[in-house]
Amino acid sequence: KSGIELYRLIPAMMIEGIGRTIGKKIAEIN
């Protein structure tokens, strides 16, 4: 609750094919 990195929130959506690696790539420039 105190704060979580954006790249972790993206795979937390449980979208098939979108895991930690893609989460990091999105979070790098967004």
PDB file of all heavy atoms in Angstrom:
ATOM      1  N   LYS A   1       0.812  -1.216   0.000  1.00  0.00           N
ATOM      2  CA  LYS A   1       0.000   0.000   0.000  1.00  0.00           C
ATOM      3  C   LYS A   1       0.848   1.269   0.000  1.00  0.00           C
ATOM      4  O   LYS A   1       0.411   2.319  -0.495  1.00  0.00           O
ATOM      5  CB  LYS A   1      -0.927   0.010   1.215  1.00  0.00           C
ATOM      6  CG  LYS A   1      -2.082  -0.961   1.122  1.00  0.00           C
ATOM      7  CD  LYS A   1      -2.954  -0.873   2.371  1.00  0.00           C
ATOM      8  CE  LYS A   1      -4.185  -1.746   2.267  1.00  0.00           C
ATOM      9  NZ  LYS A   1      -5.021  -1.683   3.491  1.00  0.00           N
ATOM     10  N   SER A   2       2.050   1.168   0.553  1.00  0.00           N
ATOM     11  CA  SER A   2       2.910   2.354   0.639  1.00  0.00           C
ATOM     12  C   SER A   2       3.485   2.745  -0.719  1.00  0.00           C
ATOM     13  O   SER A   2       3.997   3.835  -0.902  1.00  0.00           O
ATOM     14  CB  SER A   2       4.051   2.119   1.629  1.00  0.00           C
ATOM     15  OG  SER A   2       4.950   1.136   1.149  1.00  0.00           O
ATOM     16  N   GLY A   3       3.385   1.866  -1.674  1.00  0.00           N
ATOM     17  CA  GLY A   3       3.884   2.178  -3.013  1.00  0.00           C
ATOM     18  C   GLY A   3       4.430   0.951  -3.704  1.00  0.00           C
ATOM     19  O   GLY A   3       5.227   0.206  -3.116  1.00  0.00           O
ATOM     20  N   ILE A   4       3.996   0.732  -4.914  1.00  0.00           N
ATOM     21  CA  ILE A   4       4.459  -0.421  -5.684  1.00  0.00           C
ATOM     22  C   ILE A   4       4.855   0.041  -7.073  1.00  0.00           C
ATOM     23  O   ILE A   4       4.219   0.924  -7.657  1.00  0.00           O
ATOM     24  CB  ILE A   4       3.373  -1.511  -5.749  1.00  0.00           C
ATOM     25  CG1 ILE A   4       3.891  -2.737  -6.502  1.00  0.00           C
ATOM     26  CG2 ILE A   4       2.087  -1.002  -6.388  1.00  0.00           C
ATOM     27  CD1 ILE A   4       3.007  -3.942  -6.373  1.00  0.00           C
ATOM     28  N   GLU A   5       5.920  -0.520  -7.587  1.00  0.00           N
ATOM     29  CA  GLU A   5       6.430  -0.113  -8.889  1.00  0.00           C
ATOM     30  C   GLU A   5       5.416  -0.406  -9.988  1.00  0.00           C
ATOM     31  O   GLU A   5       4.702  -1.406  -9.946  1.00  0.00           O
ATOM     32  CB  GLU A   5       7.743  -0.847  -9.211  1.00  0.00           C
ATOM     33  CG  GLU A   5       8.868  -0.591  -8.211  1.00  0.00           C
ATOM     34  CD  GLU A   5       8.934  -1.663  -7.144  1.00  0.00           C
ATOM     35  OE1 GLU A   5       7.868  -2.225  -6.792  1.00  0.00           O
ATOM     36  OE2 GLU A   5      10.055  -1.941  -6.659  1.00  0.00           O
ATOM     37  N   LEU A   6       5.369   0.466 -10.989  1.00  0.00           N
ATOM     38  CA  LEU A   6       4.444   0.338 -12.105  1.00  0.00           C
ATOM     39  C   LEU A   6       4.623  -0.991 -12.835  1.00  0.00           C
ATOM     40  O   LEU A   6       3.651  -1.623 -13.250  1.00  0.00           O
ATOM     41  CB  LEU A   6       4.631   1.511 -13.074  1.00  0.00           C
ATOM     42  CG  LEU A   6       3.756   1.511 -14.333  1.00  0.00           C
ATOM     43  CD1 LEU A   6       2.270   1.504 -13.978  1.00  0.00           C
ATOM     44  CD2 LEU A   6       4.098   2.713 -15.211  1.00  0.00           C
ATOM     45  N   TYR A   7       5.877  -1.438 -12.979  1.00  0.00           N
ATOM     46  CA  TYR A   7       6.116  -2.669 -13.740  1.00  0.00           C
ATOM     47  C   TYR A   7       5.521  -3.888 -13.051  1.00  0.00           C
ATOM     48  O   TYR A   7       5.282  -4.924 -13.683  1.00  0.00           O
ATOM     49  CB  TYR A   7       7.610  -2.866 -14.000  1.00  0.00           C
ATOM     50  CG  TYR A   7       8.418  -3.408 -12.845  1.00  0.00           C
ATOM     51  CD1 TYR A   7       8.526  -4.784 -12.634  1.00  0.00           C
ATOM     52  CD2 TYR A   7       9.099  -2.563 -11.971  1.00  0.00           C
ATOM     53  CE1 TYR A   7       9.275  -5.298 -11.586  1.00  0.00           C
ATOM     54  CE2 TYR A   7       9.848  -3.067 -10.928  1.00  0.00           C
ATOM     55  CZ  TYR A   7       9.934  -4.426 -10.735  1.00  0.00           C
ATOM     56  OH  TYR A   7      10.677  -4.934  -9.694  1.00  0.00           O
ATOM     57  N   ARG A   8       5.253  -3.790 -11.742  1.00  0.00           N
ATOM     58  CA  ARG A   8       4.604  -4.886 -11.028  1.00  0.00           C
ATOM     59  C   ARG A   8       3.080  -4.828 -11.190  1.00  0.00           C
ATOM     60  O   ARG A   8       2.406  -5.858 -11.183  1.00  0.00           O
ATOM     61  CB  ARG A   8       4.958  -4.832  -9.541  1.00  0.00           C
ATOM     62  CG  ARG A   8       6.418  -5.137  -9.222  1.00  0.00           C
ATOM     63  CD  ARG A   8       6.647  -5.137  -7.711  1.00  0.00           C
ATOM     64  NE  ARG A   8       8.036  -5.343  -7.368  1.00  0.00           N
ATOM     65  CZ  ARG A   8       8.612  -6.542  -7.235  1.00  0.00           C
ATOM     66  NH1 ARG A   8       7.902  -7.629  -7.435  1.00  0.00           N
ATOM     67  NH2 ARG A   8       9.880  -6.646  -6.913  1.00  0.00           N
ATOM     68  N   LEU A   9       2.536  -3.623 -11.307  1.00  0.00           N
ATOM     69  CA  LEU A   9       1.088  -3.469 -11.439  1.00  0.00           C
ATOM     70  C   LEU A   9       0.568  -4.030 -12.752  1.00  0.00           C
ATOM     71  O   LEU A   9      -0.555  -4.525 -12.826  1.00  0.00           O
ATOM     72  CB  LEU A   9       0.708  -1.985 -11.337  1.00  0.00           C
ATOM     73  CG  LEU A   9       0.739  -1.363  -9.948  1.00  0.00           C
ATOM     74  CD1 LEU A   9       0.433   0.120 -10.034  1.00  0.00           C
ATOM     75  CD2 LEU A   9      -0.259  -2.054  -9.018  1.00  0.00           C
ATOM     76  N   ILE A  10       1.375  -3.942 -13.804  1.00  0.00           N
ATOM     77  CA  ILE A  10       0.920  -4.389 -15.129  1.00  0.00           C
ATOM     78  C   ILE A  10       0.690  -5.907 -15.172  1.00  0.00           C
ATOM     79  O   ILE A  10      -0.390  -6.358 -15.559  1.00  0.00           O
ATOM     80  CB  ILE A  10       1.892  -3.901 -16.222  1.00  0.00           C
ATOM     81  CG1 ILE A  10       1.820  -2.369 -16.303  1.00  0.00           C
ATOM     82  CG2 ILE A  10       1.563  -4.535 -17.571  1.00  0.00           C
ATOM     83  CD1 ILE A  10       2.928  -1.724 -17.082  1.00  0.00           C
ATOM     84  N   PRO A  11       1.652  -6.752 -14.737  1.00  0.00           N
ATOM     85  CA  PRO A  11       1.351  -8.195 -14.704  1.00  0.00           C
ATOM     86  C   PRO A  11       0.307  -8.558 -13.648  1.00  0.00           C
ATOM     87  O   PRO A  11      -0.303  -9.629 -13.732  1.00  0.00           O
ATOM     88  CB  PRO A  11       2.706  -8.839 -14.387  1.00  0.00           C
ATOM     89  CG  PRO A  11       3.542  -7.762 -13.799  1.00  0.00           C
ATOM     90  CD  PRO A  11       3.080  -6.485 -14.430  1.00  0.00           C
ATOM     91  N   ALA A  12       0.089  -7.669 -12.673  1.00  0.00           N
ATOM     92  CA  ALA A  12      -0.947  -7.922 -11.660  1.00  0.00           C
ATOM     93  C   ALA A  12      -2.341  -7.930 -12.264  1.00  0.00           C
ATOM     94  O   ALA A  12      -3.290  -8.422 -11.653  1.00  0.00           O
ATOM     95  CB  ALA A  12      -0.870  -6.870 -10.549  1.00  0.00           C
ATOM     96  N   MET A  13      -2.482  -7.397 -13.488  1.00  0.00           N
ATOM     97  CA  MET A  13      -3.772  -7.419 -14.181  1.00  0.00           C
ATOM     98  C   MET A  13      -4.141  -8.823 -14.678  1.00  0.00           C
ATOM     99  O   MET A  13      -5.262  -9.073 -15.088  1.00  0.00           O
ATOM    100  CB  MET A  13      -3.724  -6.467 -15.371  1.00  0.00           C
ATOM    101  CG  MET A  13      -3.722  -5.002 -14.993  1.00  0.00           C
ATOM    102  SD  MET A  13      -5.341  -4.477 -14.429  1.00  0.00           S
ATOM    103  CE  MET A  13      -6.268  -4.510 -15.946  1.00  0.00           C
ATOM    104  N   MET A  14      -3.181  -9.744 -14.649  1.00  0.00           N
ATOM    105  CA  MET A  14      -3.399 -11.131 -15.065  1.00  0.00           C
ATOM    106  C   MET A  14      -3.900 -11.223 -16.498  1.00  0.00           C
ATOM    107  O   MET A  14      -4.864 -11.917 -16.815  1.00  0.00           O
ATOM    108  CB  MET A  14      -4.381 -11.833 -14.115  1.00  0.00           C
ATOM    109  CG  MET A  14      -3.850 -12.024 -12.721  1.00  0.00           C
ATOM    110  SD  MET A  14      -2.413 -13.130 -12.705  1.00  0.00           S
ATOM    111  CE  MET A  14      -1.612 -12.621 -11.179  1.00  0.00           C
ATOM    112  N   ILE A  15      -3.241 -10.497 -17.395  1.00  0.00           N
ATOM    113  CA  ILE A  15      -3.549 -10.573 -18.824  1.00  0.00           C
ATOM    114  C   ILE A  15      -2.607 -11.599 -19.438  1.00  0.00           C
ATOM    115  O   ILE A  15      -1.389 -11.468 -19.327  1.00  0.00           O
ATOM    116  CB  ILE A  15      -3.359  -9.203 -19.504  1.00  0.00           C
ATOM    117  CG1 ILE A  15      -4.291  -8.168 -18.861  1.00  0.00           C
ATOM    118  CG2 ILE A  15      -3.616  -9.304 -21.000  1.00  0.00           C
ATOM    119  CD1 ILE A  15      -4.021  -6.747 -19.320  1.00  0.00           C
ATOM    120  N   GLU A  16      -3.155 -12.609 -20.079  1.00  0.00           N
ATOM    121  CA  GLU A  16      -2.326 -13.685 -20.638  1.00  0.00           C
ATOM    122  C   GLU A  16      -1.343 -13.136 -21.655  1.00  0.00           C
ATOM    123  O   GLU A  16      -1.712 -12.396 -22.573  1.00  0.00           O
ATOM    124  CB  GLU A  16      -3.204 -14.748 -21.288  1.00  0.00           C
ATOM    125  CG  GLU A  16      -2.438 -15.970 -21.729  1.00  0.00           C
ATOM    126  CD  GLU A  16      -3.318 -17.134 -22.118  1.00  0.00           C
ATOM    127  OE1 GLU A  16      -4.551 -16.971 -22.143  1.00  0.00           O
ATOM    128  OE2 GLU A  16      -2.762 -18.211 -22.384  1.00  0.00           O
ATOM    129  N   GLY A  17      -0.074 -13.487 -21.490  1.00  0.00           N
ATOM    130  CA  GLY A  17       0.980 -13.038 -22.389  1.00  0.00           C
ATOM    131  C   GLY A  17       1.647 -11.744 -21.969  1.00  0.00           C
ATOM    132  O   GLY A  17       2.640 -11.328 -22.559  1.00  0.00           O
ATOM    133  N   ILE A  18       1.118 -11.096 -20.911  1.00  0.00           N
ATOM    134  CA  ILE A  18       1.691  -9.825 -20.440  1.00  0.00           C
ATOM    135  C   ILE A  18       2.234 -10.030 -19.033  1.00  0.00           C
ATOM    136  O   ILE A  18       1.497  -9.964 -18.042  1.00  0.00           O
ATOM    137  CB  ILE A  18       0.650  -8.684 -20.454  1.00  0.00           C
ATOM    138  CG1 ILE A  18      -0.036  -8.601 -21.813  1.00  0.00           C
ATOM    139  CG2 ILE A  18       1.304  -7.359 -20.082  1.00  0.00           C
ATOM    140  CD1 ILE A  18       0.904  -8.384 -22.991  1.00  0.00           C
ATOM    141  N   GLY A  19       3.512 -10.341 -18.946  1.00  0.00           N
ATOM    142  CA  GLY A  19       4.132 -10.622 -17.667  1.00  0.00           C
ATOM    143  C   GLY A  19       5.095  -9.542 -17.229  1.00  0.00           C
ATOM    144  O   GLY A  19       5.058  -8.393 -17.689  1.00  0.00           O
ATOM    145  N   ARG A  20       5.997  -9.920 -16.346  1.00  0.00           N
ATOM    146  CA  ARG A  20       6.935  -8.984 -15.728  1.00  0.00           C
ATOM    147  C   ARG A  20       7.854  -8.325 -16.762  1.00  0.00           C
ATOM    148  O   ARG A  20       8.121  -7.127 -16.690  1.00  0.00           O
ATOM    149  CB  ARG A  20       7.764  -9.752 -14.691  1.00  0.00           C
ATOM    150  CG  ARG A  20       8.813  -8.932 -13.961  1.00  0.00           C
ATOM    151  CD  ARG A  20       9.611  -9.856 -13.068  1.00  0.00           C
ATOM    152  NE  ARG A  20      10.775  -9.191 -12.491  1.00  0.00           N
ATOM    153  CZ  ARG A  20      10.878  -8.854 -11.208  1.00  0.00           C
ATOM    154  NH1 ARG A  20       9.878  -9.085 -10.389  1.00  0.00           N
ATOM    155  NH2 ARG A  20      11.963  -8.271 -10.747  1.00  0.00           N
ATOM    156  N   THR A  21       8.329  -9.090 -17.753  1.00  0.00           N
ATOM    157  CA  THR A  21       9.257  -8.535 -18.742  1.00  0.00           C
ATOM    158  C   THR A  21       8.615  -7.412 -19.544  1.00  0.00           C
ATOM    159  O   THR A  21       9.194  -6.329 -19.692  1.00  0.00           O
ATOM    160  CB  THR A  21       9.750  -9.638 -19.700  1.00  0.00           C
ATOM    161  OG1 THR A  21      10.412 -10.653 -18.935  1.00  0.00           O
ATOM    162  CG2 THR A  21      10.710  -9.072 -20.728  1.00  0.00           C
ATOM    163  N   ILE A  22       7.404  -7.648 -20.056  1.00  0.00           N
ATOM    164  CA  ILE A  22       6.710  -6.605 -20.810  1.00  0.00           C
ATOM    165  C   ILE A  22       6.313  -5.463 -19.886  1.00  0.00           C
ATOM    166  O   ILE A  22       6.356  -4.288 -20.273  1.00  0.00           O
ATOM    167  CB  ILE A  22       5.481  -7.190 -21.543  1.00  0.00           C
ATOM    168  CG1 ILE A  22       5.969  -8.092 -22.678  1.00  0.00           C
ATOM    169  CG2 ILE A  22       4.577  -6.087 -22.090  1.00  0.00           C
ATOM    170  CD1 ILE A  22       4.876  -8.731 -23.494  1.00  0.00           C
ATOM    171  N   GLY A  23       5.958  -5.797 -18.642  1.00  0.00           N
ATOM    172  CA  GLY A  23       5.646  -4.758 -17.663  1.00  0.00           C
ATOM    173  C   GLY A  23       6.803  -3.783 -17.489  1.00  0.00           C
ATOM    174  O   GLY A  23       6.611  -2.565 -17.419  1.00  0.00           O
ATOM    175  N   LYS A  24       8.015  -4.317 -17.436  1.00  0.00           N
ATOM    176  CA  LYS A  24       9.203  -3.465 -17.295  1.00  0.00           C
ATOM    177  C   LYS A  24       9.409  -2.596 -18.529  1.00  0.00           C
ATOM    178  O   LYS A  24       9.774  -1.412 -18.419  1.00  0.00           O
ATOM    179  CB  LYS A  24      10.440  -4.328 -17.040  1.00  0.00           C
ATOM    180  CG  LYS A  24      10.543  -4.842 -15.616  1.00  0.00           C
ATOM    181  CD  LYS A  24      11.889  -5.502 -15.372  1.00  0.00           C
ATOM    182  CE  LYS A  24      12.074  -5.814 -13.892  1.00  0.00           C
ATOM    183  NZ  LYS A  24      13.400  -6.376 -13.595  1.00  0.00           N
ATOM    184  N   LYS A  25       9.173  -3.161 -19.708  1.00  0.00           N
ATOM    185  CA  LYS A  25       9.369  -2.403 -20.946  1.00  0.00           C
ATOM    186  C   LYS A  25       8.369  -1.251 -21.039  1.00  0.00           C
ATOM    187  O   LYS A  25       8.705  -0.156 -21.510  1.00  0.00           O
ATOM    188  CB  LYS A  25       9.222  -3.328 -22.153  1.00  0.00           C
ATOM    189  CG  LYS A  25      10.380  -4.305 -22.303  1.00  0.00           C
ATOM    190  CD  LYS A  25      10.184  -5.223 -23.504  1.00  0.00           C
ATOM    191  CE  LYS A  25      11.361  -6.183 -23.658  1.00  0.00           C
ATOM    192  NZ  LYS A  25      11.201  -7.065 -24.832  1.00  0.00           N
ATOM    193  N   ILE A  26       7.135  -1.489 -20.598  1.00  0.00           N
ATOM    194  CA  ILE A  26       6.124  -0.426 -20.602  1.00  0.00           C
ATOM    195  C   ILE A  26       6.471   0.642 -19.571  1.00  0.00           C
ATOM    196  O   ILE A  26       6.389   1.845 -19.843  1.00  0.00           O
ATOM    197  CB  ILE A  26       4.727  -1.019 -20.319  1.00  0.00           C
ATOM    198  CG1 ILE A  26       4.296  -1.913 -21.484  1.00  0.00           C
ATOM    199  CG2 ILE A  26       3.699   0.094 -20.099  1.00  0.00           C
ATOM    200  CD1 ILE A  26       3.010  -2.678 -21.223  1.00  0.00           C
ATOM    201  N   ALA A  27       6.876   0.189 -18.381  1.00  0.00           N
ATOM    202  CA  ALA A  27       7.160   1.126 -17.291  1.00  0.00           C
ATOM    203  C   ALA A  27       8.395   1.986 -17.555  1.00  0.00           C
ATOM    204  O   ALA A  27       8.526   3.074 -16.983  1.00  0.00           O
ATOM    205  CB  ALA A  27       7.334   0.354 -15.979  1.00  0.00           C
ATOM    206  N   GLU A  28       9.295   1.519 -18.404  1.00  0.00           N
ATOM    207  CA  GLU A  28      10.517   2.282 -18.707  1.00  0.00           C
ATOM    208  C   GLU A  28      10.213   3.635 -19.340  1.00  0.00           C
ATOM    209  O   GLU A  28      10.928   4.611 -19.114  1.00  0.00           O
ATOM    210  CB  GLU A  28      11.414   1.470 -19.664  1.00  0.00           C
ATOM    211  CG  GLU A  28      12.217   0.380 -18.978  1.00  0.00           C
ATOM    212  CD  GLU A  28      12.970  -0.488 -19.985  1.00  0.00           C
ATOM    213  OE1 GLU A  28      12.845  -0.220 -21.197  1.00  0.00           O
ATOM    214  OE2 GLU A  28      13.661  -1.425 -19.559  1.00  0.00           O
ATOM    215  N   ILE A  29       9.153   3.713 -20.168  1.00  0.00           N
ATOM    216  CA  ILE A  29       8.890   4.949 -20.922  1.00  0.00           C
ATOM    217  C   ILE A  29       7.474   5.478 -20.699  1.00  0.00           C
ATOM    218  O   ILE A  29       7.012   6.354 -21.431  1.00  0.00           O
ATOM    219  CB  ILE A  29       9.136   4.745 -22.431  1.00  0.00           C
ATOM    220  CG1 ILE A  29       8.308   3.566 -22.963  1.00  0.00           C
ATOM    221  CG2 ILE A  29      10.610   4.516 -22.718  1.00  0.00           C
ATOM    222  CD1 ILE A  29       8.411   3.375 -24.459  1.00  0.00           C
ATOM    223  N   ASN A  30       6.771   4.943 -19.691  1.00  0.00           N
ATOM    224  CA  ASN A  30       5.414   5.413 -19.400  1.00  0.00           C
ATOM    225  C   ASN A  30       5.253   5.705 -17.917  1.00  0.00           C
ATOM    226  O   ASN A  30       6.017   5.216 -17.083  1.00  0.00           O
ATOM    227  CB  ASN A  30       4.380   4.357 -19.821  1.00  0.00           C
ATOM    228  CG  ASN A  30       4.223   4.224 -21.316  1.00  0.00           C
ATOM    229  OD1 ASN A  30       3.527   5.007 -21.943  1.00  0.00           O
ATOM    230  ND2 ASN A  30       4.895   3.239 -21.895  1.00  0.00           N
TER     231      ASN A  30
END
